[in-house]
Amino acid sequence: MSRGPAQRGPAAGPHVSDFAARVLDVVEGIPPGQVMSYGDIAEYLGEGGPRQVGRVMTLWGGGVAWWRVVHANGSLLAGHERAALDRYADERTPLRRGPDGRPSGVDMRRARWSGDPGPD
């Protein structure tokens, strides 16, 4: 069974840049049941764009809650749909349903996290 994007850490490949470390820190802060898009993370950091965040997740995202980072339209990560859906069910992440009643992606209106940690 696939575990998601590549593992974070020294065995994963090249040194983690400051930008990559900040991306991974944001991902670690996304609460269970909520998500951010690749672009949301770039906007939150004020640096890079969706592709740069996607590259970080490809290289080092396996060590963080990778299923909480999705496409802007909420579509599921190709090749990791089953693993993501299992985690979404565990976390009660709001999902969109297709005409057949099966999950078709994350309901971004209900699941998107703004990056605000909220009250302590």
PDB file of N, CA and C in Angstrom:
ATOM      1  N   MET A   1       0.844  -1.198   0.000  1.00  0.00           N
ATOM      2  CA  MET A   1       0.000   0.000   0.000  1.00  0.00           C
ATOM      3  C   MET A   1       0.879   1.246   0.000  1.00  0.00           C
ATOM      4  N   SER A   2       0.543   2.205  -0.799  1.00  0.00           N
ATOM      5  CA  SER A   2       1.301   3.443  -0.879  1.00  0.00           C
ATOM      6  C   SER A   2       1.088   4.276   0.376  1.00  0.00           C
ATOM      7  N   ARG A   3       2.129   4.941   0.830  1.00  0.00           N
ATOM      8  CA  ARG A   3       2.051   5.753   2.034  1.00  0.00           C
ATOM      9  C   ARG A   3       1.940   7.230   1.726  1.00  0.00           C
ATOM     10  N   GLY A   4       1.754   7.595   0.489  1.00  0.00           N
ATOM     11  CA  GLY A   4       1.643   8.998   0.134  1.00  0.00           C
ATOM     12  C   GLY A   4       2.939   9.494  -0.466  1.00  0.00           C
ATOM     13  N   PRO A   5       3.121  10.802  -0.533  1.00  0.00           N
ATOM     14  CA  PRO A   5       4.331  11.370  -1.106  1.00  0.00           C
ATOM     15  C   PRO A   5       5.574  10.916  -0.357  1.00  0.00           C
ATOM     16  N   ALA A   6       6.728  11.170  -0.953  1.00  0.00           N
ATOM     17  CA  ALA A   6       8.008  10.747  -0.391  1.00  0.00           C
ATOM     18  C   ALA A   6       8.158  11.170   1.066  1.00  0.00           C
ATOM     19  N   GLN A   7       8.926  10.400   1.805  1.00  0.00           N
ATOM     20  CA  GLN A   7       9.153  10.672   3.220  1.00  0.00           C
ATOM     21  C   GLN A   7      10.020  11.903   3.430  1.00  0.00           C
ATOM     22  N   ARG A   8       9.769  12.612   4.515  1.00  0.00           N
ATOM     23  CA  ARG A   8      10.585  13.745   4.927  1.00  0.00           C
ATOM     24  C   ARG A   8      11.776  13.202   5.698  1.00  0.00           C
ATOM     25  N   GLY A   9      12.916  13.802   5.500  1.00  0.00           N
ATOM     26  CA  GLY A   9      14.081  13.424   6.278  1.00  0.00           C
ATOM     27  C   GLY A   9      15.303  13.258   5.408  1.00  0.00           C
ATOM     28  N   PRO A  10      16.467  13.019   6.043  1.00  0.00           N
ATOM     29  CA  PRO A  10      17.714  12.966   5.304  1.00  0.00           C
ATOM     30  C   PRO A  10      17.739  11.887   4.241  1.00  0.00           C
ATOM     31  N   ALA A  11      17.064  10.766   4.475  1.00  0.00           N
ATOM     32  CA  ALA A  11      17.075   9.689   3.494  1.00  0.00           C
ATOM     33  C   ALA A  11      16.243  10.041   2.267  1.00  0.00           C
ATOM     34  N   ALA A  12      15.431  11.085   2.357  1.00  0.00           N
ATOM     35  CA  ALA A  12      14.534  11.454   1.269  1.00  0.00           C
ATOM     36  C   ALA A  12      15.249  12.140   0.122  1.00  0.00           C
ATOM     37  N   GLY A  13      16.436  12.614   0.316  1.00  0.00           N
ATOM     38  CA  GLY A  13      17.132  13.262  -0.780  1.00  0.00           C
ATOM     39  C   GLY A  13      17.814  14.536  -0.341  1.00  0.00           C
ATOM     40  N   PRO A  14      17.801  15.555  -1.200  1.00  0.00           N
ATOM     41  CA  PRO A  14      18.538  16.784  -0.929  1.00  0.00           C
ATOM     42  C   PRO A  14      18.088  17.479   0.353  1.00  0.00           C
ATOM     43  N   HIS A  15      18.952  18.341   0.824  1.00  0.00           N
ATOM     44  CA  HIS A  15      18.688  19.131   2.028  1.00  0.00           C
ATOM     45  C   HIS A  15      17.369  19.898   1.894  1.00  0.00           C
ATOM     46  N   VAL A  16      16.618  19.942   2.976  1.00  0.00           N
ATOM     47  CA  VAL A  16      15.345  20.673   3.001  1.00  0.00           C
ATOM     48  C   VAL A  16      15.655  22.168   3.085  1.00  0.00           C
ATOM     49  N   SER A  17      15.177  22.939   2.116  1.00  0.00           N
ATOM     50  CA  SER A  17      15.397  24.387   2.108  1.00  0.00           C
ATOM     51  C   SER A  17      14.551  25.054   3.188  1.00  0.00           C
ATOM     52  N   ASP A  18      14.853  26.335   3.449  1.00  0.00           N
ATOM     53  CA  ASP A  18      14.045  27.095   4.412  1.00  0.00           C
ATOM     54  C   ASP A  18      12.594  27.161   3.956  1.00  0.00           C
ATOM     55  N   PHE A  19      12.379  27.383   2.653  1.00  0.00           N
ATOM     56  CA  PHE A  19      11.012  27.425   2.122  1.00  0.00           C
ATOM     57  C   PHE A  19      10.310  26.089   2.361  1.00  0.00           C
ATOM     58  N   ALA A  20      10.988  25.000   2.051  1.00  0.00           N
ATOM     59  CA  ALA A  20      10.390  23.675   2.243  1.00  0.00           C
ATOM     60  C   ALA A  20      10.060  23.440   3.714  1.00  0.00           C
ATOM     61  N   ALA A  21      10.942  23.829   4.598  1.00  0.00           N
ATOM     62  CA  ALA A  21      10.685  23.653   6.032  1.00  0.00           C
ATOM     63  C   ALA A  21       9.460  24.447   6.462  1.00  0.00           C
ATOM     64  N   ARG A  22       9.304  25.662   5.916  1.00  0.00           N
ATOM     65  CA  ARG A  22       8.119  26.472   6.257  1.00  0.00           C
ATOM     66  C   ARG A  22       6.843  25.840   5.717  1.00  0.00           C
ATOM     67  N   VAL A  23       6.900  25.311   4.489  1.00  0.00           N
ATOM     68  CA  VAL A  23       5.735  24.609   3.927  1.00  0.00           C
ATOM     69  C   VAL A  23       5.354  23.442   4.836  1.00  0.00           C
ATOM     70  N   LEU A  24       6.319  22.636   5.208  1.00  0.00           N
ATOM     71  CA  LEU A  24       6.038  21.463   6.034  1.00  0.00           C
ATOM     72  C   LEU A  24       5.510  21.860   7.404  1.00  0.00           C
ATOM     73  N   ASP A  25       6.005  22.968   7.956  1.00  0.00           N
ATOM     74  CA  ASP A  25       5.488  23.463   9.238  1.00  0.00           C
ATOM     75  C   ASP A  25       4.018  23.860   9.115  1.00  0.00           C
ATOM     76  N   VAL A  26       3.658  24.527   8.012  1.00  0.00           N
ATOM     77  CA  VAL A  26       2.253  24.900   7.804  1.00  0.00           C
ATOM     78  C   VAL A  26       1.398  23.647   7.718  1.00  0.00           C
ATOM     79  N   VAL A  27       1.844  22.658   6.948  1.00  0.00           N
ATOM     80  CA  VAL A  27       1.073  21.417   6.788  1.00  0.00           C
ATOM     81  C   VAL A  27       0.882  20.739   8.142  1.00  0.00           C
ATOM     82  N   GLU A  28       1.916  20.726   8.959  1.00  0.00           N
ATOM     83  CA  GLU A  28       1.803  20.108  10.281  1.00  0.00           C
ATOM     84  C   GLU A  28       0.788  20.831  11.157  1.00  0.00           C
ATOM     85  N   GLY A  29       0.538  22.121  10.869  1.00  0.00           N
ATOM     86  CA  GLY A  29      -0.409  22.902  11.658  1.00  0.00           C
ATOM     87  C   GLY A  29      -1.855  22.816  11.202  1.00  0.00           C
ATOM     88  N   ILE A  30      -2.112  22.201  10.052  1.00  0.00           N
ATOM     89  CA  ILE A  30      -3.496  22.097   9.567  1.00  0.00           C
ATOM     90  C   ILE A  30      -4.247  21.128  10.477  1.00  0.00           C
ATOM     91  N   PRO A  31      -5.339  21.577  11.083  1.00  0.00           N
ATOM     92  CA  PRO A  31      -6.067  20.708  12.018  1.00  0.00           C
ATOM     93  C   PRO A  31      -6.722  19.517  11.318  1.00  0.00           C
ATOM     94  N   PRO A  32      -6.893  18.420  12.033  1.00  0.00           N
ATOM     95  CA  PRO A  32      -7.628  17.277  11.473  1.00  0.00           C
ATOM     96  C   PRO A  32      -9.011  17.717  10.986  1.00  0.00           C
ATOM     97  N   GLY A  33      -9.417  17.178   9.846  1.00  0.00           N
ATOM     98  CA  GLY A  33     -10.728  17.498   9.289  1.00  0.00           C
ATOM     99  C   GLY A  33     -10.733  18.737   8.422  1.00  0.00           C
ATOM    100  N   GLN A  34      -9.581  19.394   8.294  1.00  0.00           N
ATOM    101  CA  GLN A  34      -9.495  20.580   7.466  1.00  0.00           C
ATOM    102  C   GLN A  34      -8.362  20.418   6.465  1.00  0.00           C
ATOM    103  N   VAL A  35      -8.354  21.253   5.437  1.00  0.00           N
ATOM    104  CA  VAL A  35      -7.356  21.176   4.378  1.00  0.00           C
ATOM    105  C   VAL A  35      -6.944  22.576   3.949  1.00  0.00           C
ATOM    106  N   MET A  36      -5.826  22.644   3.236  1.00  0.00           N
ATOM    107  CA  MET A  36      -5.412  23.848   2.520  1.00  0.00           C
ATOM    108  C   MET A  36      -5.017  23.394   1.123  1.00  0.00           C
ATOM    109  N   SER A  37      -5.210  24.267   0.158  1.00  0.00           N
ATOM    110  CA  SER A  37      -4.735  23.959  -1.192  1.00  0.00           C
ATOM    111  C   SER A  37      -3.257  24.326  -1.276  1.00  0.00           C
ATOM    112  N   TYR A  38      -2.610  23.840  -2.327  1.00  0.00           N
ATOM    113  CA  TYR A  38      -1.209  24.192  -2.561  1.00  0.00           C
ATOM    114  C   TYR A  38      -1.062  25.712  -2.633  1.00  0.00           C
ATOM    115  N   GLY A  39      -1.987  26.353  -3.347  1.00  0.00           N
ATOM    116  CA  GLY A  39      -1.963  27.807  -3.474  1.00  0.00           C
ATOM    117  C   GLY A  39      -2.242  28.515  -2.164  1.00  0.00           C
ATOM    118  N   ASP A  40      -3.131  27.957  -1.341  1.00  0.00           N
ATOM    119  CA  ASP A  40      -3.409  28.543  -0.025  1.00  0.00           C
ATOM    120  C   ASP A  40      -2.131  28.617   0.802  1.00  0.00           C
ATOM    121  N   ILE A  41      -1.345  27.543   0.754  1.00  0.00           N
ATOM    122  CA  ILE A  41      -0.109  27.499   1.542  1.00  0.00           C
ATOM    123  C   ILE A  41       0.877  28.544   1.031  1.00  0.00           C
ATOM    124  N   ALA A  42       1.027  28.643  -0.287  1.00  0.00           N
ATOM    125  CA  ALA A  42       1.926  29.653  -0.849  1.00  0.00           C
ATOM    126  C   ALA A  42       1.472  31.059  -0.460  1.00  0.00           C
ATOM    127  N   GLU A  43       0.176  31.315  -0.552  1.00  0.00           N
ATOM    128  CA  GLU A  43      -0.355  32.628  -0.180  1.00  0.00           C
ATOM    129  C   GLU A  43      -0.138  32.899   1.307  1.00  0.00           C
ATOM    130  N   TYR A  44      -0.383  31.918   2.144  1.00  0.00           N
ATOM    131  CA  TYR A  44      -0.193  32.052   3.589  1.00  0.00           C
ATOM    132  C   TYR A  44       1.260  32.423   3.902  1.00  0.00           C
ATOM    133  N   LEU A  45       2.199  31.779   3.197  1.00  0.00           N
ATOM    134  CA  LEU A  45       3.626  32.045   3.419  1.00  0.00           C
ATOM    135  C   LEU A  45       4.087  33.333   2.745  1.00  0.00           C
ATOM    136  N   GLY A  46       3.325  33.807   1.737  1.00  0.00           N
ATOM    137  CA  GLY A  46       3.731  34.990   0.990  1.00  0.00           C
ATOM    138  C   GLY A  46       4.945  34.727   0.116  1.00  0.00           C
ATOM    139  N   GLU A  47       5.059  33.473  -0.317  1.00  0.00           N
ATOM    140  CA  GLU A  47       6.223  33.075  -1.101  1.00  0.00           C
ATOM    141  C   GLU A  47       5.875  31.869  -1.959  1.00  0.00           C
ATOM    142  N   GLY A  48       6.473  31.801  -3.147  1.00  0.00           N
ATOM    143  CA  GLY A  48       6.263  30.661  -4.027  1.00  0.00           C
ATOM    144  C   GLY A  48       4.860  30.643  -4.590  1.00  0.00           C
ATOM    145  N   GLY A  49       4.499  29.510  -5.128  1.00  0.00           N
ATOM    146  CA  GLY A  49       3.180  29.316  -5.707  1.00  0.00           C
ATOM    147  C   GLY A  49       2.783  27.865  -5.541  1.00  0.00           C
ATOM    148  N   PRO A  50       1.633  27.486  -6.102  1.00  0.00           N
ATOM    149  CA  PRO A  50       1.158  26.111  -5.953  1.00  0.00           C
ATOM    150  C   PRO A  50       2.165  25.066  -6.433  1.00  0.00           C
ATOM    151  N   ARG A  51       2.837  25.329  -7.521  1.00  0.00           N
ATOM    152  CA  ARG A  51       3.795  24.343  -8.041  1.00  0.00           C
ATOM    153  C   ARG A  51       4.989  24.157  -7.104  1.00  0.00           C
ATOM    154  N   GLN A  52       5.457  25.244  -6.519  1.00  0.00           N
ATOM    155  CA  GLN A  52       6.579  25.136  -5.589  1.00  0.00           C
ATOM    156  C   GLN A  52       6.171  24.367  -4.339  1.00  0.00           C
ATOM    157  N   VAL A  53       4.968  24.629  -3.839  1.00  0.00           N
ATOM    158  CA  VAL A  53       4.464  23.882  -2.679  1.00  0.00           C
ATOM    159  C   VAL A  53       4.292  22.414  -3.057  1.00  0.00           C
ATOM    160  N   GLY A  54       3.760  22.162  -4.252  1.00  0.00           N
ATOM    161  CA  GLY A  54       3.606  20.783  -4.719  1.00  0.00           C
ATOM    162  C   GLY A  54       4.923  20.050  -4.793  1.00  0.00           C
ATOM    163  N   ARG A  55       5.958  20.739  -5.232  1.00  0.00           N
ATOM    164  CA  ARG A  55       7.284  20.121  -5.310  1.00  0.00           C
ATOM    165  C   ARG A  55       7.792  19.749  -3.920  1.00  0.00           C
ATOM    166  N   VAL A  56       7.607  20.636  -2.961  1.00  0.00           N
ATOM    167  CA  VAL A  56       8.000  20.336  -1.576  1.00  0.00           C
ATOM    168  C   VAL A  56       7.249  19.102  -1.081  1.00  0.00           C
ATOM    169  N   MET A  57       5.952  19.061  -1.354  1.00  0.00           N
ATOM    170  CA  MET A  57       5.154  17.928  -0.878  1.00  0.00           C
ATOM    171  C   MET A  57       5.585  16.628  -1.552  1.00  0.00           C
ATOM    172  N   THR A  58       5.964  16.702  -2.819  1.00  0.00           N
ATOM    173  CA  THR A  58       6.434  15.513  -3.530  1.00  0.00           C
ATOM    174  C   THR A  58       7.718  14.981  -2.903  1.00  0.00           C
ATOM    175  N   LEU A  59       8.626  15.888  -2.586  1.00  0.00           N
ATOM    176  CA  LEU A  59       9.926  15.470  -2.058  1.00  0.00           C
ATOM    177  C   LEU A  59       9.902  15.077  -0.589  1.00  0.00           C
ATOM    178  N   TRP A  60       9.163  15.832   0.238  1.00  0.00           N
ATOM    179  CA  TRP A  60       9.259  15.642   1.683  1.00  0.00           C
ATOM    180  C   TRP A  60       7.913  15.517   2.396  1.00  0.00           C
ATOM    181  N   GLY A  61       6.809  15.494   1.670  1.00  0.00           N
ATOM    182  CA  GLY A  61       5.492  15.520   2.298  1.00  0.00           C
ATOM    183  C   GLY A  61       5.050  14.243   2.992  1.00  0.00           C
ATOM    184  N   GLY A  62       5.726  13.136   2.766  1.00  0.00           N
ATOM    185  CA  GLY A  62       5.313  11.875   3.378  1.00  0.00           C
ATOM    186  C   GLY A  62       5.426  11.844   4.883  1.00  0.00           C
ATOM    187  N   GLY A  63       6.214  12.752   5.453  1.00  0.00           N
ATOM    188  CA  GLY A  63       6.399  12.792   6.899  1.00  0.00           C
ATOM    189  C   GLY A  63       5.413  13.694   7.616  1.00  0.00           C
ATOM    190  N   VAL A  64       4.515  14.322   6.866  1.00  0.00           N
ATOM    191  CA  VAL A  64       3.500  15.200   7.449  1.00  0.00           C
ATOM    192  C   VAL A  64       2.125  14.744   6.946  1.00  0.00           C
ATOM    193  N   ALA A  65       1.086  15.421   7.368  1.00  0.00           N
ATOM    194  CA  ALA A  65      -0.290  15.054   6.986  1.00  0.00           C
ATOM    195  C   ALA A  65      -0.567  15.484   5.543  1.00  0.00           C
ATOM    196  N   TRP A  66       0.053  14.798   4.586  1.00  0.00           N
ATOM    197  CA  TRP A  66      -0.010  15.152   3.163  1.00  0.00           C
ATOM    198  C   TRP A  66      -1.439  15.192   2.628  1.00  0.00           C
ATOM    199  N   TRP A  67      -2.340  14.396   3.175  1.00  0.00           N
ATOM    200  CA  TRP A  67      -3.725  14.338   2.690  1.00  0.00           C
ATOM    201  C   TRP A  67      -4.479  15.631   2.994  1.00  0.00           C
ATOM    202  N   ARG A  68      -3.935  16.489   3.844  1.00  0.00           N
ATOM    203  CA  ARG A  68      -4.576  17.765   4.161  1.00  0.00           C
ATOM    204  C   ARG A  68      -4.181  18.868   3.188  1.00  0.00           C
ATOM    205  N   VAL A  69      -3.371  18.533   2.174  1.00  0.00           N
ATOM    206  CA  VAL A  69      -2.990  19.484   1.124  1.00  0.00           C
ATOM    207  C   VAL A  69      -3.590  18.966  -0.173  1.00  0.00           C
ATOM    208  N   VAL A  70      -4.459  19.774  -0.772  1.00  0.00           N
ATOM    209  CA  VAL A  70      -5.234  19.326  -1.924  1.00  0.00           C
ATOM    210  C   VAL A  70      -5.180  20.355  -3.048  1.00  0.00           C
ATOM    211  N   HIS A  71      -5.691  19.973  -4.191  1.00  0.00           N
ATOM    212  CA  HIS A  71      -5.845  20.902  -5.309  1.00  0.00           C
ATOM    213  C   HIS A  71      -6.907  21.934  -4.930  1.00  0.00           C
ATOM    214  N   ALA A  72      -6.846  23.108  -5.545  1.00  0.00           N
ATOM    215  CA  ALA A  72      -7.774  24.199  -5.226  1.00  0.00           C
ATOM    216  C   ALA A  72      -9.235  23.803  -5.400  1.00  0.00           C
ATOM    217  N   ASN A  73      -9.506  22.863  -6.299  1.00  0.00           N
ATOM    218  CA  ASN A  73     -10.887  22.424  -6.521  1.00  0.00           C
ATOM    219  C   ASN A  73     -11.299  21.273  -5.603  1.00  0.00           C
ATOM    220  N   GLY A  74     -10.401  20.856  -4.719  1.00  0.00           N
ATOM    221  CA  GLY A  74     -10.717  19.788  -3.769  1.00  0.00           C
ATOM    222  C   GLY A  74     -10.548  18.386  -4.320  1.00  0.00           C
ATOM    223  N   SER A  75     -10.089  18.270  -5.572  1.00  0.00           N
ATOM    224  CA  SER A  75      -9.938  16.932  -6.156  1.00  0.00           C
ATOM    225  C   SER A  75      -8.874  16.134  -5.399  1.00  0.00           C
ATOM    226  N   LEU A  76      -9.011  14.826  -5.461  1.00  0.00           N
ATOM    227  CA  LEU A  76      -8.140  13.932  -4.716  1.00  0.00           C
ATOM    228  C   LEU A  76      -6.793  13.768  -5.408  1.00  0.00           C
ATOM    229  N   LEU A  77      -5.751  13.535  -4.631  1.00  0.00           N
ATOM    230  CA  LEU A  77      -4.397  13.350  -5.146  1.00  0.00           C
ATOM    231  C   LEU A  77      -4.320  12.042  -5.916  1.00  0.00           C
ATOM    232  N   ALA A  78      -4.064  12.147  -7.205  1.00  0.00           N
ATOM    233  CA  ALA A  78      -4.018  10.969  -8.078  1.00  0.00           C
ATOM    234  C   ALA A  78      -3.034   9.930  -7.551  1.00  0.00           C
ATOM    235  N   GLY A  79      -3.497   8.715  -7.489  1.00  0.00           N
ATOM    236  CA  GLY A  79      -2.674   7.618  -7.013  1.00  0.00           C
ATOM    237  C   GLY A  79      -2.739   7.401  -5.517  1.00  0.00           C
ATOM    238  N   HIS A  80      -3.326   8.355  -4.807  1.00  0.00           N
ATOM    239  CA  HIS A  80      -3.403   8.252  -3.345  1.00  0.00           C
ATOM    240  C   HIS A  80      -4.838   8.423  -2.840  1.00  0.00           C
ATOM    241  N   GLU A  81      -5.794   8.233  -3.748  1.00  0.00           N
ATOM    242  CA  GLU A  81      -7.204   8.464  -3.401  1.00  0.00           C
ATOM    243  C   GLU A  81      -7.658   7.623  -2.214  1.00  0.00           C
ATOM    244  N   ARG A  82      -7.385   6.321  -2.255  1.00  0.00           N
ATOM    245  CA  ARG A  82      -7.869   5.422  -1.197  1.00  0.00           C
ATOM    246  C   ARG A  82      -7.274   5.795   0.156  1.00  0.00           C
ATOM    247  N   ALA A  83      -5.950   6.017   0.202  1.00  0.00           N
ATOM    248  CA  ALA A  83      -5.305   6.385   1.466  1.00  0.00           C
ATOM    249  C   ALA A  83      -5.861   7.710   1.992  1.00  0.00           C
ATOM    250  N   ALA A  84      -6.050   8.684   1.092  1.00  0.00           N
ATOM    251  CA  ALA A  84      -6.591   9.979   1.513  1.00  0.00           C
ATOM    252  C   ALA A  84      -8.021   9.828   2.012  1.00  0.00           C
ATOM    253  N   LEU A  85      -8.852   9.086   1.283  1.00  0.00           N
ATOM    254  CA  LEU A  85     -10.247   8.910   1.699  1.00  0.00           C
ATOM    255  C   LEU A  85     -10.348   8.222   3.053  1.00  0.00           C
ATOM    256  N   ASP A  86      -9.473   7.271   3.320  1.00  0.00           N
ATOM    257  CA  ASP A  86      -9.466   6.614   4.642  1.00  0.00           C
ATOM    258  C   ASP A  86      -9.178   7.635   5.734  1.00  0.00           C
ATOM    259  N   ARG A  87      -8.220   8.496   5.479  1.00  0.00           N
ATOM    260  CA  ARG A  87      -7.868   9.513   6.480  1.00  0.00           C
ATOM    261  C   ARG A  87      -8.976  10.556   6.609  1.00  0.00           C
ATOM    262  N   TYR A  88      -9.582  10.947   5.485  1.00  0.00           N
ATOM    263  CA  TYR A  88     -10.687  11.902   5.553  1.00  0.00           C
ATOM    264  C   TYR A  88     -11.840  11.323   6.381  1.00  0.00           C
ATOM    265  N   ALA A  89     -12.106  10.056   6.223  1.00  0.00           N
ATOM    266  CA  ALA A  89     -13.174   9.422   7.004  1.00  0.00           C
ATOM    267  C   ALA A  89     -12.818   9.441   8.493  1.00  0.00           C
ATOM    268  N   ASP A  90     -11.583   9.099   8.809  1.00  0.00           N
ATOM    269  CA  ASP A  90     -11.145   9.101  10.218  1.00  0.00           C
ATOM    270  C   ASP A  90     -11.263  10.489  10.834  1.00  0.00           C
ATOM    271  N   GLU A  91     -10.942  11.520  10.044  1.00  0.00           N
ATOM    272  CA  GLU A  91     -10.933  12.898  10.547  1.00  0.00           C
ATOM    273  C   GLU A  91     -12.257  13.628  10.331  1.00  0.00           C
ATOM    274  N   ARG A  92     -13.196  12.975   9.671  1.00  0.00           N
ATOM    275  CA  ARG A  92     -14.493  13.581   9.359  1.00  0.00           C
ATOM    276  C   ARG A  92     -14.359  14.854   8.517  1.00  0.00           C
ATOM    277  N   THR A  93     -13.464  14.788   7.556  1.00  0.00           N
ATOM    278  CA  THR A  93     -13.266  15.899   6.625  1.00  0.00           C
ATOM    279  C   THR A  93     -14.492  15.991   5.710  1.00  0.00           C
ATOM    280  N   PRO A  94     -15.089  17.171   5.574  1.00  0.00           N
ATOM    281  CA  PRO A  94     -16.247  17.306   4.679  1.00  0.00           C
ATOM    282  C   PRO A  94     -15.864  16.979   3.226  1.00  0.00           C
ATOM    283  N   LEU A  95     -16.651  16.128   2.603  1.00  0.00           N
ATOM    284  CA  LEU A  95     -16.387  15.698   1.232  1.00  0.00           C
ATOM    285  C   LEU A  95     -17.546  16.059   0.321  1.00  0.00           C
ATOM    286  N   ARG A  96     -17.230  16.222  -0.967  1.00  0.00           N
ATOM    287  CA  ARG A  96     -18.254  16.342  -2.007  1.00  0.00           C
ATOM    288  C   ARG A  96     -18.629  14.930  -2.417  1.00  0.00           C
ATOM    289  N   ARG A  97     -19.843  14.766  -2.863  1.00  0.00           N
ATOM    290  CA  ARG A  97     -20.312  13.465  -3.346  1.00  0.00           C
ATOM    291  C   ARG A  97     -20.730  13.591  -4.801  1.00  0.00           C
ATOM    292  N   GLY A  98     -20.403  12.564  -5.580  1.00  0.00           N
ATOM    293  CA  GLY A  98     -20.812  12.518  -6.970  1.00  0.00           C
ATOM    294  C   GLY A  98     -22.254  12.052  -7.073  1.00  0.00           C
ATOM    295  N   PRO A  99     -22.798  12.002  -8.284  1.00  0.00           N
ATOM    296  CA  PRO A  99     -24.172  11.565  -8.497  1.00  0.00           C
ATOM    297  C   PRO A  99     -24.425  10.141  -7.984  1.00  0.00           C
ATOM    298  N   ASP A 100     -23.365   9.335  -7.949  1.00  0.00           N
ATOM    299  CA  ASP A 100     -23.505   7.959  -7.465  1.00  0.00           C
ATOM    300  C   ASP A 100     -23.378   7.862  -5.943  1.00  0.00           C
ATOM    301  N   GLY A 101     -23.162   9.005  -5.263  1.00  0.00           N
ATOM    302  CA  GLY A 101     -23.047   9.022  -3.811  1.00  0.00           C
ATOM    303  C   GLY A 101     -21.642   8.780  -3.296  1.00  0.00           C
ATOM    304  N   ARG A 102     -20.720   8.482  -4.195  1.00  0.00           N
ATOM    305  CA  ARG A 102     -19.342   8.230  -3.784  1.00  0.00           C
ATOM    306  C   ARG A 102     -18.583   9.547  -3.655  1.00  0.00           C
ATOM    307  N   PRO A 103     -17.587   9.591  -2.750  1.00  0.00           N
ATOM    308  CA  PRO A 103     -16.805  10.822  -2.595  1.00  0.00           C
ATOM    309  C   PRO A 103     -16.100  11.197  -3.898  1.00  0.00           C
ATOM    310  N   SER A 104     -16.189  12.477  -4.253  1.00  0.00           N
ATOM    311  CA  SER A 104     -15.545  12.951  -5.468  1.00  0.00           C
ATOM    312  C   SER A 104     -14.454  13.977  -5.171  1.00  0.00           C
ATOM    313  N   GLY A 105     -14.295  14.343  -3.916  1.00  0.00           N
ATOM    314  CA  GLY A 105     -13.270  15.302  -3.532  1.00  0.00           C
ATOM    315  C   GLY A 105     -13.624  15.943  -2.207  1.00  0.00           C
ATOM    316  N   VAL A 106     -12.780  16.836  -1.776  1.00  0.00           N
ATOM    317  CA  VAL A 106     -13.000  17.558  -0.525  1.00  0.00           C
ATOM    318  C   VAL A 106     -13.930  18.736  -0.790  1.00  0.00           C
ATOM    319  N   ASP A 107     -14.858  18.972   0.120  1.00  0.00           N
ATOM    320  CA  ASP A 107     -15.748  20.134   0.047  1.00  0.00           C
ATOM    321  C   ASP A 107     -14.955  21.341   0.557  1.00  0.00           C
ATOM    322  N   MET A 108     -14.365  22.084  -0.361  1.00  0.00           N
ATOM    323  CA  MET A 108     -13.469  23.175   0.009  1.00  0.00           C
ATOM    324  C   MET A 108     -14.174  24.293   0.781  1.00  0.00           C
ATOM    325  N   ARG A 109     -15.435  24.518   0.504  1.00  0.00           N
ATOM    326  CA  ARG A 109     -16.154  25.570   1.235  1.00  0.00           C
ATOM    327  C   ARG A 109     -16.250  25.254   2.719  1.00  0.00           C
ATOM    328  N   ARG A 110     -16.368  23.991   3.045  1.00  0.00           N
ATOM    329  CA  ARG A 110     -16.511  23.589   4.453  1.00  0.00           C
ATOM    330  C   ARG A 110     -15.206  23.151   5.101  1.00  0.00           C
ATOM    331  N   ALA A 111     -14.256  22.658   4.310  1.00  0.00           N
ATOM    332  CA  ALA A 111     -13.045  22.065   4.881  1.00  0.00           C
ATOM    333  C   ALA A 111     -11.820  22.980   4.840  1.00  0.00           C
ATOM    334  N   ARG A 112     -11.865  24.049   4.056  1.00  0.00           N
ATOM    335  CA  ARG A 112     -10.671  24.902   3.902  1.00  0.00           C
ATOM    336  C   ARG A 112     -10.301  25.569   5.224  1.00  0.00           C
ATOM    337  N   TRP A 113      -9.013  25.473   5.576  1.00  0.00           N
ATOM    338  CA  TRP A 113      -8.484  26.112   6.772  1.00  0.00           C
ATOM    339  C   TRP A 113      -7.798  27.408   6.374  1.00  0.00           C
ATOM    340  N   SER A 114      -8.053  28.473   7.101  1.00  0.00           N
ATOM    341  CA  SER A 114      -7.506  29.787   6.758  1.00  0.00           C
ATOM    342  C   SER A 114      -6.075  29.985   7.253  1.00  0.00           C
ATOM    343  N   GLY A 115      -5.618  29.105   8.109  1.00  0.00           N
ATOM    344  CA  GLY A 115      -4.304  29.278   8.703  1.00  0.00           C
ATOM    345  C   GLY A 115      -4.371  29.962  10.044  1.00  0.00           C
ATOM    346  N   ASP A 116      -5.564  30.361  10.440  1.00  0.00           N
ATOM    347  CA  ASP A 116      -5.765  31.011  11.726  1.00  0.00           C
ATOM    348  C   ASP A 116      -5.803  29.943  12.817  1.00  0.00           C
ATOM    349  N   PRO A 117      -4.867  30.006  13.777  1.00  0.00           N
ATOM    350  CA  PRO A 117      -4.858  28.988  14.822  1.00  0.00           C
ATOM    351  C   PRO A 117      -6.061  29.070  15.765  1.00  0.00           C
ATOM    352  N   GLY A 118      -6.803  30.163  15.707  1.00  0.00           N
ATOM    353  CA  GLY A 118      -7.983  30.306  16.554  1.00  0.00           C
ATOM    354  C   GLY A 118      -7.603  30.625  17.986  1.00  0.00           C
ATOM    355  N   PRO A 119      -8.597  30.640  18.869  1.00  0.00           N
ATOM    356  CA  PRO A 119      -8.331  30.976  20.283  1.00  0.00           C
ATOM    357  C   PRO A 119      -7.509  29.870  20.955  1.00  0.00           C
ATOM    358  N   ASP A 120      -6.678  30.292  21.877  1.00  0.00           N
ATOM    359  CA  ASP A 120      -5.840  29.321  22.612  1.00  0.00           C
ATOM    360  C   ASP A 120      -6.628  28.619  23.675  1.00  0.00           C
TER     361      ASP A 120
END
